[in-house]
Amino acid sequence: MNIDDFLLTAGLSLLTGMVLGYYLHNLITLGKRLYRKFFGRSRYFEQD
């Protein structure tokens, strides 16, 4: 493997990791928001 192949492989891996990380972050944020909306307990109407 020469340096050009290595740089190509490293560049594609970095790009793929950044794209997957971006979408994974969005999915986690969406999941947290949906959990709070449908399954989370309300703070305003709790009995003391």
PDB file of N, CA and C in Angstrom:
ATOM      1  N   MET A   1       0.852  -1.172   0.000  1.00  0.00           N
ATOM      2  CA  MET A   1       0.000   0.000   0.000  1.00  0.00           C
ATOM      3  C   MET A   1       0.904   1.242   0.000  1.00  0.00           C
ATOM      4  N   ASN A   2       0.675   2.109  -0.949  1.00  0.00           N
ATOM      5  CA  ASN A   2       1.487   3.322  -0.969  1.00  0.00           C
ATOM      6  C   ASN A   2       0.759   4.454  -0.259  1.00  0.00           C
ATOM      7  N   ILE A   3       1.389   5.610  -0.196  1.00  0.00           N
ATOM      8  CA  ILE A   3       0.856   6.722   0.584  1.00  0.00           C
ATOM      9  C   ILE A   3      -0.452   7.254  -0.011  1.00  0.00           C
ATOM     10  N   ASP A   4      -0.594   7.201  -1.331  1.00  0.00           N
ATOM     11  CA  ASP A   4      -1.832   7.689  -1.947  1.00  0.00           C
ATOM     12  C   ASP A   4      -3.025   6.816  -1.557  1.00  0.00           C
ATOM     13  N   ASP A   5      -2.831   5.502  -1.549  1.00  0.00           N
ATOM     14  CA  ASP A   5      -3.908   4.607  -1.126  1.00  0.00           C
ATOM     15  C   ASP A   5      -4.267   4.840   0.340  1.00  0.00           C
ATOM     16  N   PHE A   6      -3.232   5.048   1.158  1.00  0.00           N
ATOM     17  CA  PHE A   6      -3.488   5.299   2.572  1.00  0.00           C
ATOM     18  C   PHE A   6      -4.280   6.590   2.771  1.00  0.00           C
ATOM     19  N   LEU A   7      -3.882   7.659   2.094  1.00  0.00           N
ATOM     20  CA  LEU A   7      -4.588   8.932   2.249  1.00  0.00           C
ATOM     21  C   LEU A   7      -6.023   8.833   1.730  1.00  0.00           C
ATOM     22  N   LEU A   8      -6.234   8.120   0.654  1.00  0.00           N
ATOM     23  CA  LEU A   8      -7.584   7.922   0.133  1.00  0.00           C
ATOM     24  C   LEU A   8      -8.435   7.142   1.136  1.00  0.00           C
ATOM     25  N   THR A   9      -7.876   6.074   1.680  1.00  0.00           N
ATOM     26  CA  THR A   9      -8.608   5.266   2.657  1.00  0.00           C
ATOM     27  C   THR A   9      -8.915   6.070   3.915  1.00  0.00           C
ATOM     28  N   ALA A  10      -7.938   6.806   4.419  1.00  0.00           N
ATOM     29  CA  ALA A  10      -8.142   7.610   5.624  1.00  0.00           C
ATOM     30  C   ALA A  10      -9.168   8.711   5.374  1.00  0.00           C
ATOM     31  N   GLY A  11      -9.107   9.347   4.214  1.00  0.00           N
ATOM     32  CA  GLY A  11     -10.064  10.410   3.890  1.00  0.00           C
ATOM     33  C   GLY A  11     -11.490   9.890   3.779  1.00  0.00           C
ATOM     34  N   LEU A  12     -11.656   8.755   3.114  1.00  0.00           N
ATOM     35  CA  LEU A  12     -13.001   8.175   2.987  1.00  0.00           C
ATOM     36  C   LEU A  12     -13.530   7.706   4.339  1.00  0.00           C
ATOM     37  N   SER A  13     -12.669   7.152   5.168  1.00  0.00           N
ATOM     38  CA  SER A  13     -13.101   6.717   6.498  1.00  0.00           C
ATOM     39  C   SER A  13     -13.526   7.913   7.348  1.00  0.00           C
ATOM     40  N   LEU A  14     -12.775   8.983   7.278  1.00  0.00           N
ATOM     41  CA  LEU A  14     -13.113  10.188   8.039  1.00  0.00           C
ATOM     42  C   LEU A  14     -14.431  10.777   7.562  1.00  0.00           C
ATOM     43  N   LEU A  15     -14.614  10.864   6.260  1.00  0.00           N
ATOM     44  CA  LEU A  15     -15.858  11.411   5.707  1.00  0.00           C
ATOM     45  C   LEU A  15     -17.052  10.544   6.089  1.00  0.00           C
ATOM     46  N   THR A  16     -16.904   9.236   5.974  1.00  0.00           N
ATOM     47  CA  THR A  16     -17.983   8.320   6.334  1.00  0.00           C
ATOM     48  C   THR A  16     -18.313   8.431   7.822  1.00  0.00           C
ATOM     49  N   GLY A  17     -17.302   8.510   8.667  1.00  0.00           N
ATOM     50  CA  GLY A  17     -17.516   8.652  10.100  1.00  0.00           C
ATOM     51  C   GLY A  17     -18.230   9.940  10.457  1.00  0.00           C
ATOM     52  N   MET A  18     -17.880  11.029   9.789  1.00  0.00           N
ATOM     53  CA  MET A  18     -18.531  12.306  10.070  1.00  0.00           C
ATOM     54  C   MET A  18     -19.997  12.292   9.638  1.00  0.00           C
ATOM     55  N   VAL A  19     -20.280  11.718   8.479  1.00  0.00           N
ATOM     56  CA  VAL A  19     -21.667  11.649   8.002  1.00  0.00           C
ATOM     57  C   VAL A  19     -22.503  10.761   8.910  1.00  0.00           C
ATOM     58  N   LEU A  20     -21.995   9.587   9.253  1.00  0.00           N
ATOM     59  CA  LEU A  20     -22.727   8.689  10.141  1.00  0.00           C
ATOM     60  C   LEU A  20     -22.918   9.301  11.527  1.00  0.00           C
ATOM     61  N   GLY A  21     -21.914   9.979  12.036  1.00  0.00           N
ATOM     62  CA  GLY A  21     -22.018  10.632  13.323  1.00  0.00           C
ATOM     63  C   GLY A  21     -23.061  11.726  13.334  1.00  0.00           C
ATOM     64  N   TYR A  22     -23.145  12.481  12.240  1.00  0.00           N
ATOM     65  CA  TYR A  22     -24.147  13.548  12.151  1.00  0.00           C
ATOM     66  C   TYR A  22     -25.554  12.967  12.197  1.00  0.00           C
ATOM     67  N   TYR A  23     -25.797  11.943  11.395  1.00  0.00           N
ATOM     68  CA  TYR A  23     -27.134  11.353  11.375  1.00  0.00           C
ATOM     69  C   TYR A  23     -27.441  10.604  12.666  1.00  0.00           C
ATOM     70  N   LEU A  24     -26.447   9.976  13.260  1.00  0.00           N
ATOM     71  CA  LEU A  24     -26.659   9.291  14.531  1.00  0.00           C
ATOM     72  C   LEU A  24     -27.017  10.294  15.623  1.00  0.00           C
ATOM     73  N   HIS A  25     -26.369  11.446  15.627  1.00  0.00           N
ATOM     74  CA  HIS A  25     -26.691  12.490  16.598  1.00  0.00           C
ATOM     75  C   HIS A  25     -28.135  12.959  16.414  1.00  0.00           C
ATOM     76  N   ASN A  26     -28.567  13.147  15.175  1.00  0.00           N
ATOM     77  CA  ASN A  26     -29.948  13.565  14.919  1.00  0.00           C
ATOM     78  C   ASN A  26     -30.945  12.503  15.369  1.00  0.00           C
ATOM     79  N   LEU A  27     -30.652  11.243  15.127  1.00  0.00           N
ATOM     80  CA  LEU A  27     -31.552  10.171  15.544  1.00  0.00           C
ATOM     81  C   LEU A  27     -31.644  10.076  17.066  1.00  0.00           C
ATOM     82  N   ILE A  28     -30.533  10.247  17.756  1.00  0.00           N
ATOM     83  CA  ILE A  28     -30.554  10.206  19.211  1.00  0.00           C
ATOM     84  C   ILE A  28     -31.356  11.373  19.766  1.00  0.00           C
ATOM     85  N   THR A  29     -31.179  12.555  19.182  1.00  0.00           N
ATOM     86  CA  THR A  29     -31.939  13.730  19.622  1.00  0.00           C
ATOM     87  C   THR A  29     -33.425  13.528  19.392  1.00  0.00           C
ATOM     88  N   LEU A  30     -33.790  12.993  18.246  1.00  0.00           N
ATOM     89  CA  LEU A  30     -35.196  12.728  17.952  1.00  0.00           C
ATOM     90  C   LEU A  30     -35.770  11.697  18.920  1.00  0.00           C
ATOM     91  N   GLY A  31     -35.019  10.656  19.205  1.00  0.00           N
ATOM     92  CA  GLY A  31     -35.477   9.633  20.140  1.00  0.00           C
ATOM     93  C   GLY A  31     -35.704  10.196  21.534  1.00  0.00           C
ATOM     94  N   LYS A  32     -34.797  11.053  22.002  1.00  0.00           N
ATOM     95  CA  LYS A  32     -34.969  11.662  23.322  1.00  0.00           C
ATOM     96  C   LYS A  32     -36.210  12.546  23.348  1.00  0.00           C
ATOM     97  N   ARG A  33     -36.425  13.313  22.281  1.00  0.00           N
ATOM     98  CA  ARG A  33     -37.583  14.197  22.235  1.00  0.00           C
ATOM     99  C   ARG A  33     -38.884  13.406  22.222  1.00  0.00           C
ATOM    100  N   LEU A  34     -38.937  12.328  21.447  1.00  0.00           N
ATOM    101  CA  LEU A  34     -40.141  11.505  21.410  1.00  0.00           C
ATOM    102  C   LEU A  34     -40.375  10.795  22.737  1.00  0.00           C
ATOM    103  N   TYR A  35     -39.309  10.349  23.397  1.00  0.00           N
ATOM    104  CA  TYR A  35     -39.456   9.705  24.697  1.00  0.00           C
ATOM    105  C   TYR A  35     -40.040  10.684  25.713  1.00  0.00           C
ATOM    106  N   ARG A  36     -39.501  11.908  25.732  1.00  0.00           N
ATOM    107  CA  ARG A  36     -40.016  12.906  26.677  1.00  0.00           C
ATOM    108  C   ARG A  36     -41.470  13.251  26.380  1.00  0.00           C
ATOM    109  N   LYS A  37     -41.844  13.273  25.108  1.00  0.00           N
ATOM    110  CA  LYS A  37     -43.206  13.655  24.745  1.00  0.00           C
ATOM    111  C   LYS A  37     -44.220  12.573  25.099  1.00  0.00           C
ATOM    112  N   PHE A  38     -43.897  11.311  24.834  1.00  0.00           N
ATOM    113  CA  PHE A  38     -44.872  10.240  24.987  1.00  0.00           C
ATOM    114  C   PHE A  38     -44.717   9.422  26.264  1.00  0.00           C
ATOM    115  N   PHE A  39     -43.505   9.276  26.781  1.00  0.00           N
ATOM    116  CA  PHE A  39     -43.277   8.380  27.914  1.00  0.00           C
ATOM    117  C   PHE A  39     -42.775   9.088  29.161  1.00  0.00           C
ATOM    118  N   GLY A  40     -42.296  10.290  29.014  1.00  0.00           N
ATOM    119  CA  GLY A  40     -41.770  11.005  30.172  1.00  0.00           C
ATOM    120  C   GLY A  40     -42.896  11.487  31.085  1.00  0.00           C
ATOM    121  N   ARG A  41     -42.580  11.591  32.355  1.00  0.00           N
ATOM    122  CA  ARG A  41     -43.581  12.065  33.312  1.00  0.00           C
ATOM    123  C   ARG A  41     -43.615  13.583  33.310  1.00  0.00           C
ATOM    124  N   SER A  42     -44.761  14.131  33.461  1.00  0.00           N
ATOM    125  CA  SER A  42     -44.921  15.564  33.493  1.00  0.00           C
ATOM    126  C   SER A  42     -44.439  16.103  34.833  1.00  0.00           C
ATOM    127  N   ARG A  43     -43.772  17.228  34.820  1.00  0.00           N
ATOM    128  CA  ARG A  43     -43.297  17.832  36.040  1.00  0.00           C
ATOM    129  C   ARG A  43     -44.341  18.761  36.673  1.00  0.00           C
ATOM    130  N   TYR A  44     -45.310  19.186  35.891  1.00  0.00           N
ATOM    131  CA  TYR A  44     -46.201  20.241  36.349  1.00  0.00           C
ATOM    132  C   TYR A  44     -47.378  19.739  37.175  1.00  0.00           C
ATOM    133  N   PHE A  45     -47.778  18.491  36.994  1.00  0.00           N
ATOM    134  CA  PHE A  45     -48.975  17.999  37.662  1.00  0.00           C
ATOM    135  C   PHE A  45     -48.675  16.921  38.697  1.00  0.00           C
ATOM    136  N   GLU A  46     -47.430  16.833  39.153  1.00  0.00           N
ATOM    137  CA  GLU A  46     -47.103  15.803  40.121  1.00  0.00           C
ATOM    138  C   GLU A  46     -47.611  16.191  41.507  1.00  0.00           C
ATOM    139  N   GLN A  47     -48.036  15.208  42.260  1.00  0.00           N
ATOM    140  CA  GLN A  47     -48.464  15.430  43.630  1.00  0.00           C
ATOM    141  C   GLN A  47     -47.241  15.421  44.542  1.00  0.00           C
ATOM    142  N   ASP A  48     -47.251  16.283  45.524  1.00  0.00           N
ATOM    143  CA  ASP A  48     -46.126  16.320  46.475  1.00  0.00           C
ATOM    144  C   ASP A  48     -46.297  15.337  47.590  1.00  0.00           C
TER     145      ASP A  48
END
